[in-house]
Amino acid sequence: MDHLPAKEQATDRNTVRAVERALDILLCFGTDRDLGLTEISSRVSLHKSTVHRLLASLEAKGFVERHQQSDRYRLGWGVLELASQMFQSDDLVSRVLPEMTALRDSIGETISLYVRSGIERIRIQAIEGVHPVRRVANIGKRFPLYVGASGKVLLAFSSDNVLEELRTLGAFPEELDISELKLQCDHIRQVGYAVSIEEREVGAAAVAAPIFDRQHKCIAALSVSGPVDRYTPSEVIHFAKSCMDTSEAISRYLGL
């Protein structure tokens, strides 16, 4: 870029900025089904006229849709089309689905698969439990890394300096005790799994174990989640063993 004329450099920076802003707008819909122009403008800290122009471009490409009556926006079919292609072609998702289904059938609880995505974790596959009262797991949902069994597994089995890198990137709240989180990660590595009891959500509990590739790099976390009243001490041990057995089987299948 240093060799480009000043005018072209400015154009390039403006293009990159527009792309970043458009992506920020799309990410707003990660927590809400539909949003109004004012809400989006507030969340991305941009003037409404700028947001309106970006939404118009996204709408033209099918990535957002506008309700004609309420004048609110939601994700369009273009996003689903891209996501479906990813899941159809993603080797990890296609390979683990039978094992996840077998685990769900064995213990009855909701089974989820998470990967690290930047400073967060994202659920890329899920098989809901068979109980009338069960965890509802939405694919594509993002969560913090520092809370919850799956997030802590992804942290515990990452490189040694990942906690400091994530802290530098602002992934953790200021009040978080990093030294305590490090101790938890040490324990998770020792026992091979993580347990969370109402850490992220009241009434919910989970157990998670790591999945490794052929280089013994942790590429995902497999979790068993459900209502906290079913996570008695004896059941936690049972869920943990079942989860680890399945994650180890998947790891072997992936080349270990």
C-alpha atoms as a PDB file:
ATOM      1  CA  MET A   1       0.000   0.000   0.000  1.00  0.00           C
ATOM      2  CA  ASP A   2       2.950   2.362   0.673  1.00  0.00           C
ATOM      3  CA  HIS A   3       3.684   2.492  -3.065  1.00  0.00           C
ATOM      4  CA  LEU A   4       0.155   3.517  -4.039  1.00  0.00           C
ATOM      5  CA  PRO A   5      -0.682   7.150  -4.792  1.00  0.00           C
ATOM      6  CA  ALA A   6      -2.174   9.002  -1.834  1.00  0.00           C
ATOM      7  CA  LYS A   7      -5.611   9.117  -3.468  1.00  0.00           C
ATOM      8  CA  GLU A   8      -5.649   5.345  -4.006  1.00  0.00           C
ATOM      9  CA  GLN A   9      -4.452   4.722  -0.438  1.00  0.00           C
ATOM     10  CA  ALA A  10      -7.309   6.848   0.903  1.00  0.00           C
ATOM     11  CA  THR A  11      -9.807   4.979  -1.287  1.00  0.00           C
ATOM     12  CA  ASP A  12      -8.451   1.644  -0.072  1.00  0.00           C
ATOM     13  CA  ARG A  13      -8.733   2.693   3.592  1.00  0.00           C
ATOM     14  CA  ASN A  14     -12.296   3.887   3.048  1.00  0.00           C
ATOM     15  CA  THR A  15     -13.210   0.587   1.397  1.00  0.00           C
ATOM     16  CA  VAL A  16     -11.768  -1.425   4.283  1.00  0.00           C
ATOM     17  CA  ARG A  17     -13.571   0.808   6.787  1.00  0.00           C
ATOM     18  CA  ALA A  18     -16.877   0.296   4.963  1.00  0.00           C
ATOM     19  CA  VAL A  19     -16.402  -3.473   4.992  1.00  0.00           C
ATOM     20  CA  GLU A  20     -15.618  -3.447   8.721  1.00  0.00           C
ATOM     21  CA  ARG A  21     -18.701  -1.346   9.419  1.00  0.00           C
ATOM     22  CA  ALA A  22     -20.918  -3.646   7.364  1.00  0.00           C
ATOM     23  CA  LEU A  23     -19.590  -6.662   9.259  1.00  0.00           C
ATOM     24  CA  ASP A  24     -20.200  -4.891  12.574  1.00  0.00           C
ATOM     25  CA  ILE A  25     -23.814  -4.390  11.517  1.00  0.00           C
ATOM     26  CA  LEU A  26     -24.236  -8.076  10.666  1.00  0.00           C
ATOM     27  CA  LEU A  27     -22.756  -9.074  14.036  1.00  0.00           C
ATOM     28  CA  CYS A  28     -25.461  -7.033  15.788  1.00  0.00           C
ATOM     29  CA  PHE A  29     -27.917  -9.760  14.836  1.00  0.00           C
ATOM     30  CA  GLY A  30     -25.977 -12.367  16.816  1.00  0.00           C
ATOM     31  CA  THR A  31     -28.069 -11.577  19.893  1.00  0.00           C
ATOM     32  CA  ASP A  32     -31.340 -10.248  18.411  1.00  0.00           C
ATOM     33  CA  ARG A  33     -33.656 -11.547  15.712  1.00  0.00           C
ATOM     34  CA  ASP A  34     -34.600  -8.122  14.392  1.00  0.00           C
ATOM     35  CA  LEU A  35     -33.445  -4.559  15.021  1.00  0.00           C
ATOM     36  CA  GLY A  36     -34.472  -1.053  14.115  1.00  0.00           C
ATOM     37  CA  LEU A  37     -32.237   1.512  12.452  1.00  0.00           C
ATOM     38  CA  THR A  38     -31.784   3.496  15.676  1.00  0.00           C
ATOM     39  CA  GLU A  39     -30.813   0.386  17.635  1.00  0.00           C
ATOM     40  CA  ILE A  40     -28.237  -0.652  15.052  1.00  0.00           C
ATOM     41  CA  SER A  41     -26.848   2.864  14.824  1.00  0.00           C
ATOM     42  CA  SER A  42     -26.379   2.957  18.596  1.00  0.00           C
ATOM     43  CA  ARG A  43     -24.688  -0.436  18.748  1.00  0.00           C
ATOM     44  CA  VAL A  44     -22.133   0.267  16.023  1.00  0.00           C
ATOM     45  CA  SER A  45     -21.679   3.938  17.040  1.00  0.00           C
ATOM     46  CA  LEU A  46     -22.390   5.280  13.558  1.00  0.00           C
ATOM     47  CA  HIS A  47     -24.726   7.984  12.269  1.00  0.00           C
ATOM     48  CA  LYS A  48     -28.097   6.658  11.127  1.00  0.00           C
ATOM     49  CA  SER A  49     -27.573   7.893   7.574  1.00  0.00           C
ATOM     50  CA  THR A  50     -24.349   5.867   7.312  1.00  0.00           C
ATOM     51  CA  VAL A  51     -26.009   2.774   8.769  1.00  0.00           C
ATOM     52  CA  HIS A  52     -28.946   3.200   6.404  1.00  0.00           C
ATOM     53  CA  ARG A  53     -26.642   3.224   3.361  1.00  0.00           C
ATOM     54  CA  LEU A  54     -24.789   0.133   4.562  1.00  0.00           C
ATOM     55  CA  LEU A  55     -28.052  -1.680   5.290  1.00  0.00           C
ATOM     56  CA  ALA A  56     -29.256  -0.866   1.790  1.00  0.00           C
ATOM     57  CA  SER A  57     -26.135  -2.494   0.326  1.00  0.00           C
ATOM     58  CA  LEU A  58     -26.512  -5.536   2.570  1.00  0.00           C
ATOM     59  CA  GLU A  59     -30.181  -5.789   1.649  1.00  0.00           C
ATOM     60  CA  ALA A  60     -29.360  -5.651  -2.056  1.00  0.00           C
ATOM     61  CA  LYS A  61     -27.040  -8.640  -1.630  1.00  0.00           C
ATOM     62  CA  GLY A  62     -29.586 -10.570   0.446  1.00  0.00           C
ATOM     63  CA  PHE A  63     -27.703 -10.451   3.757  1.00  0.00           C
ATOM     64  CA  VAL A  64     -30.433  -8.487   5.565  1.00  0.00           C
ATOM     65  CA  GLU A  65     -34.159  -8.089   5.030  1.00  0.00           C
ATOM     66  CA  ARG A  66     -36.354  -5.146   5.986  1.00  0.00           C
ATOM     67  CA  HIS A  67     -39.862  -5.549   7.353  1.00  0.00           C
ATOM     68  CA  GLN A  68     -41.972  -3.277   5.191  1.00  0.00           C
ATOM     69  CA  GLN A  69     -44.538  -2.543   7.923  1.00  0.00           C
ATOM     70  CA  SER A  70     -42.351  -2.226  11.003  1.00  0.00           C
ATOM     71  CA  ASP A  71     -39.254  -0.897   9.188  1.00  0.00           C
ATOM     72  CA  ARG A  72     -37.068  -3.259  11.198  1.00  0.00           C
ATOM     73  CA  TYR A  73     -34.246  -5.408   9.888  1.00  0.00           C
ATOM     74  CA  ARG A  74     -33.294  -9.055  10.262  1.00  0.00           C
ATOM     75  CA  LEU A  75     -30.753 -11.391   8.679  1.00  0.00           C
ATOM     76  CA  GLY A  76     -31.536 -12.394   5.112  1.00  0.00           C
ATOM     77  CA  TRP A  77     -31.336 -15.701   3.302  1.00  0.00           C
ATOM     78  CA  GLY A  78     -27.894 -14.836   1.949  1.00  0.00           C
ATOM     79  CA  VAL A  79     -26.402 -15.485   5.382  1.00  0.00           C
ATOM     80  CA  LEU A  80     -28.138 -18.864   5.606  1.00  0.00           C
ATOM     81  CA  GLU A  81     -26.916 -19.780   2.137  1.00  0.00           C
ATOM     82  CA  LEU A  82     -23.305 -19.112   3.123  1.00  0.00           C
ATOM     83  CA  ALA A  83     -23.713 -20.899   6.454  1.00  0.00           C
ATOM     84  CA  SER A  84     -25.229 -23.968   4.815  1.00  0.00           C
ATOM     85  CA  GLN A  85     -22.294 -24.199   2.435  1.00  0.00           C
ATOM     86  CA  MET A  86     -19.873 -23.981   5.344  1.00  0.00           C
ATOM     87  CA  PHE A  87     -21.575 -26.731   7.300  1.00  0.00           C
ATOM     88  CA  GLN A  88     -21.898 -28.959   4.248  1.00  0.00           C
ATOM     89  CA  SER A  89     -18.212 -28.618   3.458  1.00  0.00           C
ATOM     90  CA  ASP A  90     -16.802 -28.461   6.986  1.00  0.00           C
ATOM     91  CA  ASP A  91     -14.927 -31.688   7.607  1.00  0.00           C
ATOM     92  CA  LEU A  92     -15.040 -31.446  11.402  1.00  0.00           C
ATOM     93  CA  VAL A  93     -18.814 -30.949  11.599  1.00  0.00           C
ATOM     94  CA  SER A  94     -19.600 -33.793   9.206  1.00  0.00           C
ATOM     95  CA  ARG A  95     -17.232 -36.178  10.953  1.00  0.00           C
ATOM     96  CA  VAL A  96     -18.391 -35.574  14.522  1.00  0.00           C
ATOM     97  CA  LEU A  97     -22.139 -35.592  13.917  1.00  0.00           C
ATOM     98  CA  PRO A  98     -22.596 -39.381  14.209  1.00  0.00           C
ATOM     99  CA  GLU A  99     -20.529 -39.476  17.410  1.00  0.00           C
ATOM    100  CA  MET A 100     -22.471 -36.543  18.868  1.00  0.00           C
ATOM    101  CA  THR A 101     -25.764 -38.239  18.041  1.00  0.00           C
ATOM    102  CA  ALA A 102     -24.624 -41.479  19.660  1.00  0.00           C
ATOM    103  CA  LEU A 103     -23.570 -39.597  22.799  1.00  0.00           C
ATOM    104  CA  ARG A 104     -26.948 -37.835  22.972  1.00  0.00           C
ATOM    105  CA  ASP A 105     -28.770 -41.148  22.561  1.00  0.00           C
ATOM    106  CA  SER A 106     -26.633 -42.659  25.313  1.00  0.00           C
ATOM    107  CA  ILE A 107     -27.128 -40.008  28.014  1.00  0.00           C
ATOM    108  CA  GLY A 108     -30.149 -38.040  26.788  1.00  0.00           C
ATOM    109  CA  GLU A 109     -28.670 -34.556  27.249  1.00  0.00           C
ATOM    110  CA  THR A 110     -27.965 -31.823  24.694  1.00  0.00           C
ATOM    111  CA  ILE A 111     -24.608 -32.202  22.953  1.00  0.00           C
ATOM    112  CA  SER A 112     -22.792 -29.203  21.467  1.00  0.00           C
ATOM    113  CA  LEU A 113     -19.584 -28.611  19.547  1.00  0.00           C
ATOM    114  CA  TYR A 114     -17.659 -25.354  20.029  1.00  0.00           C
ATOM    115  CA  VAL A 115     -14.631 -23.823  18.370  1.00  0.00           C
ATOM    116  CA  ARG A 116     -12.684 -20.725  19.260  1.00  0.00           C
ATOM    117  CA  SER A 117     -13.493 -17.730  17.063  1.00  0.00           C
ATOM    118  CA  GLY A 118     -11.237 -14.799  17.920  1.00  0.00           C
ATOM    119  CA  ILE A 119     -11.911 -13.751  21.491  1.00  0.00           C
ATOM    120  CA  GLU A 120     -15.091 -15.834  21.719  1.00  0.00           C
ATOM    121  CA  ARG A 121     -16.324 -19.368  21.212  1.00  0.00           C
ATOM    122  CA  ILE A 122     -18.993 -20.291  18.715  1.00  0.00           C
ATOM    123  CA  ARG A 123     -21.338 -23.279  18.655  1.00  0.00           C
ATOM    124  CA  ILE A 124     -20.943 -24.917  15.251  1.00  0.00           C
ATOM    125  CA  GLN A 125     -23.079 -28.015  15.797  1.00  0.00           C
ATOM    126  CA  ALA A 126     -25.637 -29.251  18.316  1.00  0.00           C
ATOM    127  CA  ILE A 127     -27.891 -32.236  18.974  1.00  0.00           C
ATOM    128  CA  GLU A 128     -30.692 -31.428  21.404  1.00  0.00           C
ATOM    129  CA  GLY A 129     -31.477 -33.738  24.297  1.00  0.00           C
ATOM    130  CA  VAL A 130     -34.436 -36.076  24.480  1.00  0.00           C
ATOM    131  CA  HIS A 131     -35.847 -34.876  27.810  1.00  0.00           C
ATOM    132  CA  PRO A 132     -38.966 -32.650  27.862  1.00  0.00           C
ATOM    133  CA  VAL A 133     -36.899 -30.092  29.814  1.00  0.00           C
ATOM    134  CA  ARG A 134     -33.614 -29.660  27.974  1.00  0.00           C
ATOM    135  CA  ARG A 135     -31.061 -27.138  26.809  1.00  0.00           C
ATOM    136  CA  VAL A 136     -31.949 -25.422  23.545  1.00  0.00           C
ATOM    137  CA  ALA A 137     -28.745 -24.978  21.562  1.00  0.00           C
ATOM    138  CA  ASN A 138     -28.733 -22.535  18.665  1.00  0.00           C
ATOM    139  CA  ILE A 139     -26.017 -23.146  16.078  1.00  0.00           C
ATOM    140  CA  GLY A 140     -23.907 -20.076  15.374  1.00  0.00           C
ATOM    141  CA  LYS A 141     -24.345 -18.624  18.849  1.00  0.00           C
ATOM    142  CA  ARG A 142     -21.291 -16.872  20.318  1.00  0.00           C
ATOM    143  CA  PHE A 143     -20.236 -16.930  23.962  1.00  0.00           C
ATOM    144  CA  PRO A 144     -17.285 -15.695  26.065  1.00  0.00           C
ATOM    145  CA  LEU A 145     -14.263 -17.944  26.481  1.00  0.00           C
ATOM    146  CA  TYR A 146     -13.723 -17.224  30.165  1.00  0.00           C
ATOM    147  CA  VAL A 147     -17.032 -18.597  31.413  1.00  0.00           C
ATOM    148  CA  GLY A 148     -18.655 -21.982  30.828  1.00  0.00           C
ATOM    149  CA  ALA A 149     -17.178 -25.469  30.495  1.00  0.00           C
ATOM    150  CA  SER A 150     -16.536 -25.341  26.742  1.00  0.00           C
ATOM    151  CA  GLY A 151     -14.868 -21.946  26.857  1.00  0.00           C
ATOM    152  CA  LYS A 152     -12.536 -22.990  29.646  1.00  0.00           C
ATOM    153  CA  VAL A 153     -11.625 -26.200  27.804  1.00  0.00           C
ATOM    154  CA  LEU A 154     -10.681 -24.163  24.740  1.00  0.00           C
ATOM    155  CA  LEU A 155      -8.583 -21.884  26.954  1.00  0.00           C
ATOM    156  CA  ALA A 156      -6.991 -24.670  28.980  1.00  0.00           C
ATOM    157  CA  PHE A 157      -5.772 -26.593  25.956  1.00  0.00           C
ATOM    158  CA  SER A 158      -4.588 -23.561  23.981  1.00  0.00           C
ATOM    159  CA  SER A 159      -1.003 -22.295  23.881  1.00  0.00           C
ATOM    160  CA  ASP A 160       0.574 -21.098  27.125  1.00  0.00           C
ATOM    161  CA  ASN A 161       0.401 -17.398  26.251  1.00  0.00           C
ATOM    162  CA  VAL A 162      -3.190 -17.348  24.983  1.00  0.00           C
ATOM    163  CA  LEU A 163      -4.605 -15.908  28.226  1.00  0.00           C
ATOM    164  CA  GLU A 164      -2.288 -12.918  28.073  1.00  0.00           C
ATOM    165  CA  GLU A 165      -2.998 -12.433  24.363  1.00  0.00           C
ATOM    166  CA  LEU A 166      -6.739 -12.465  24.972  1.00  0.00           C
ATOM    167  CA  ARG A 167      -6.423 -10.064  27.898  1.00  0.00           C
ATOM    168  CA  THR A 168      -4.518  -7.669  25.627  1.00  0.00           C
ATOM    169  CA  LEU A 169      -7.339  -7.924  23.083  1.00  0.00           C
ATOM    170  CA  GLY A 170      -9.929  -7.042  25.736  1.00  0.00           C
ATOM    171  CA  ALA A 171     -11.537 -10.481  25.871  1.00  0.00           C
ATOM    172  CA  PHE A 172     -11.916 -10.453  29.657  1.00  0.00           C
ATOM    173  CA  PRO A 173     -13.778  -8.062  31.966  1.00  0.00           C
ATOM    174  CA  GLU A 174     -11.558  -5.970  34.251  1.00  0.00           C
ATOM    175  CA  GLU A 175     -12.903  -7.651  37.381  1.00  0.00           C
ATOM    176  CA  LEU A 176     -11.937 -11.139  36.184  1.00  0.00           C
ATOM    177  CA  ASP A 177      -9.232 -12.774  38.318  1.00  0.00           C
ATOM    178  CA  ILE A 178      -6.790 -14.045  35.684  1.00  0.00           C
ATOM    179  CA  SER A 179      -4.697 -15.928  38.259  1.00  0.00           C
ATOM    180  CA  GLU A 180      -7.791 -17.882  39.347  1.00  0.00           C
ATOM    181  CA  LEU A 181      -8.675 -18.595  35.710  1.00  0.00           C
ATOM    182  CA  LYS A 182      -5.137 -19.932  35.169  1.00  0.00           C
ATOM    183  CA  LEU A 183      -5.549 -22.253  38.158  1.00  0.00           C
ATOM    184  CA  GLN A 184      -8.842 -23.508  36.747  1.00  0.00           C
ATOM    185  CA  CYS A 185      -7.175 -24.145  33.380  1.00  0.00           C
ATOM    186  CA  ASP A 186      -4.372 -26.074  35.107  1.00  0.00           C
ATOM    187  CA  HIS A 187      -6.945 -28.276  36.836  1.00  0.00           C
ATOM    188  CA  ILE A 188      -8.853 -28.843  33.587  1.00  0.00           C
ATOM    189  CA  ARG A 189      -5.665 -30.011  31.860  1.00  0.00           C
ATOM    190  CA  GLN A 190      -4.967 -32.402  34.752  1.00  0.00           C
ATOM    191  CA  VAL A 191      -8.407 -34.057  34.814  1.00  0.00           C
ATOM    192  CA  GLY A 192      -9.152 -33.765  31.087  1.00  0.00           C
ATOM    193  CA  TYR A 193     -12.529 -32.039  31.313  1.00  0.00           C
ATOM    194  CA  ALA A 194     -14.322 -28.948  32.641  1.00  0.00           C
ATOM    195  CA  VAL A 195     -17.539 -28.517  34.620  1.00  0.00           C
ATOM    196  CA  SER A 196     -19.678 -25.390  34.859  1.00  0.00           C
ATOM    197  CA  ILE A 197     -22.617 -25.064  37.222  1.00  0.00           C
ATOM    198  CA  GLU A 198     -24.749 -21.975  36.572  1.00  0.00           C
ATOM    199  CA  GLU A 199     -21.689 -19.997  35.443  1.00  0.00           C
ATOM    200  CA  ARG A 200     -23.191 -18.398  32.349  1.00  0.00           C
ATOM    201  CA  GLU A 201     -26.885 -19.010  32.881  1.00  0.00           C
ATOM    202  CA  VAL A 202     -28.992 -19.618  35.985  1.00  0.00           C
ATOM    203  CA  GLY A 203     -30.370 -23.147  36.075  1.00  0.00           C
ATOM    204  CA  ALA A 204     -27.952 -24.546  33.483  1.00  0.00           C
ATOM    205  CA  ALA A 205     -24.921 -26.799  33.809  1.00  0.00           C
ATOM    206  CA  ALA A 206     -22.417 -28.362  31.432  1.00  0.00           C
ATOM    207  CA  VAL A 207     -19.453 -30.704  31.137  1.00  0.00           C
ATOM    208  CA  ALA A 208     -16.955 -30.363  28.278  1.00  0.00           C
ATOM    209  CA  ALA A 209     -13.881 -32.161  26.932  1.00  0.00           C
ATOM    210  CA  PRO A 210     -11.311 -31.270  24.254  1.00  0.00           C
ATOM    211  CA  ILE A 211     -11.040 -32.607  20.708  1.00  0.00           C
ATOM    212  CA  PHE A 212      -7.531 -32.755  19.209  1.00  0.00           C
ATOM    213  CA  ASP A 213      -6.225 -32.984  15.667  1.00  0.00           C
ATOM    214  CA  ARG A 214      -3.283 -35.126  14.498  1.00  0.00           C
ATOM    215  CA  GLN A 215      -0.815 -32.468  15.723  1.00  0.00           C
ATOM    216  CA  HIS A 216      -2.427 -32.756  19.165  1.00  0.00           C
ATOM    217  CA  LYS A 217      -3.793 -29.245  18.848  1.00  0.00           C
ATOM    218  CA  CYS A 218      -7.128 -28.600  20.535  1.00  0.00           C
ATOM    219  CA  ILE A 219      -9.473 -27.692  17.695  1.00  0.00           C
ATOM    220  CA  ALA A 220     -12.847 -27.942  19.446  1.00  0.00           C
ATOM    221  CA  ALA A 221     -14.700 -28.598  22.682  1.00  0.00           C
ATOM    222  CA  LEU A 222     -17.471 -31.162  23.038  1.00  0.00           C
ATOM    223  CA  SER A 223     -20.059 -30.411  25.710  1.00  0.00           C
ATOM    224  CA  VAL A 224     -22.956 -32.078  27.489  1.00  0.00           C
ATOM    225  CA  SER A 225     -25.437 -29.551  28.868  1.00  0.00           C
ATOM    226  CA  GLY A 226     -28.778 -29.540  30.630  1.00  0.00           C
ATOM    227  CA  PRO A 227     -30.771 -28.322  33.634  1.00  0.00           C
ATOM    228  CA  VAL A 228     -28.664 -28.037  36.788  1.00  0.00           C
ATOM    229  CA  ASP A 229     -30.937 -30.324  38.823  1.00  0.00           C
ATOM    230  CA  ARG A 230     -29.827 -33.285  36.682  1.00  0.00           C
ATOM    231  CA  TYR A 231     -26.138 -32.533  37.340  1.00  0.00           C
ATOM    232  CA  THR A 232     -25.699 -34.296  40.640  1.00  0.00           C
ATOM    233  CA  PRO A 233     -22.106 -35.190  41.625  1.00  0.00           C
ATOM    234  CA  SER A 234     -22.519 -38.781  40.431  1.00  0.00           C
ATOM    235  CA  GLU A 235     -24.086 -37.699  37.138  1.00  0.00           C
ATOM    236  CA  VAL A 236     -21.335 -35.144  36.534  1.00  0.00           C
ATOM    237  CA  ILE A 237     -18.783 -37.952  36.754  1.00  0.00           C
ATOM    238  CA  HIS A 238     -20.890 -40.078  34.400  1.00  0.00           C
ATOM    239  CA  PHE A 239     -21.353 -37.214  31.905  1.00  0.00           C
ATOM    240  CA  ALA A 240     -17.651 -36.333  32.071  1.00  0.00           C
ATOM    241  CA  LYS A 241     -16.550 -39.900  31.334  1.00  0.00           C
ATOM    242  CA  SER A 242     -19.015 -40.237  28.470  1.00  0.00           C
ATOM    243  CA  CYS A 243     -18.001 -36.872  27.039  1.00  0.00           C
ATOM    244  CA  MET A 244     -14.271 -37.682  27.272  1.00  0.00           C
ATOM    245  CA  ASP A 245     -14.761 -41.124  25.717  1.00  0.00           C
ATOM    246  CA  THR A 246     -16.546 -39.530  22.760  1.00  0.00           C
ATOM    247  CA  SER A 247     -14.073 -36.669  22.370  1.00  0.00           C
ATOM    248  CA  GLU A 248     -11.165 -39.153  22.450  1.00  0.00           C
ATOM    249  CA  ALA A 249     -12.900 -41.304  19.825  1.00  0.00           C
ATOM    250  CA  ILE A 250     -13.365 -38.256  17.611  1.00  0.00           C
ATOM    251  CA  SER A 251      -9.723 -37.263  18.115  1.00  0.00           C
ATOM    252  CA  ARG A 252      -8.593 -40.729  17.070  1.00  0.00           C
ATOM    253  CA  TYR A 253     -10.854 -40.540  14.038  1.00  0.00           C
ATOM    254  CA  LEU A 254      -9.292 -37.206  13.109  1.00  0.00           C
ATOM    255  CA  GLY A 255      -5.862 -38.795  13.005  1.00  0.00           C
ATOM    256  CA  LEU A 256      -4.404 -39.195  16.480  1.00  0.00           C
END
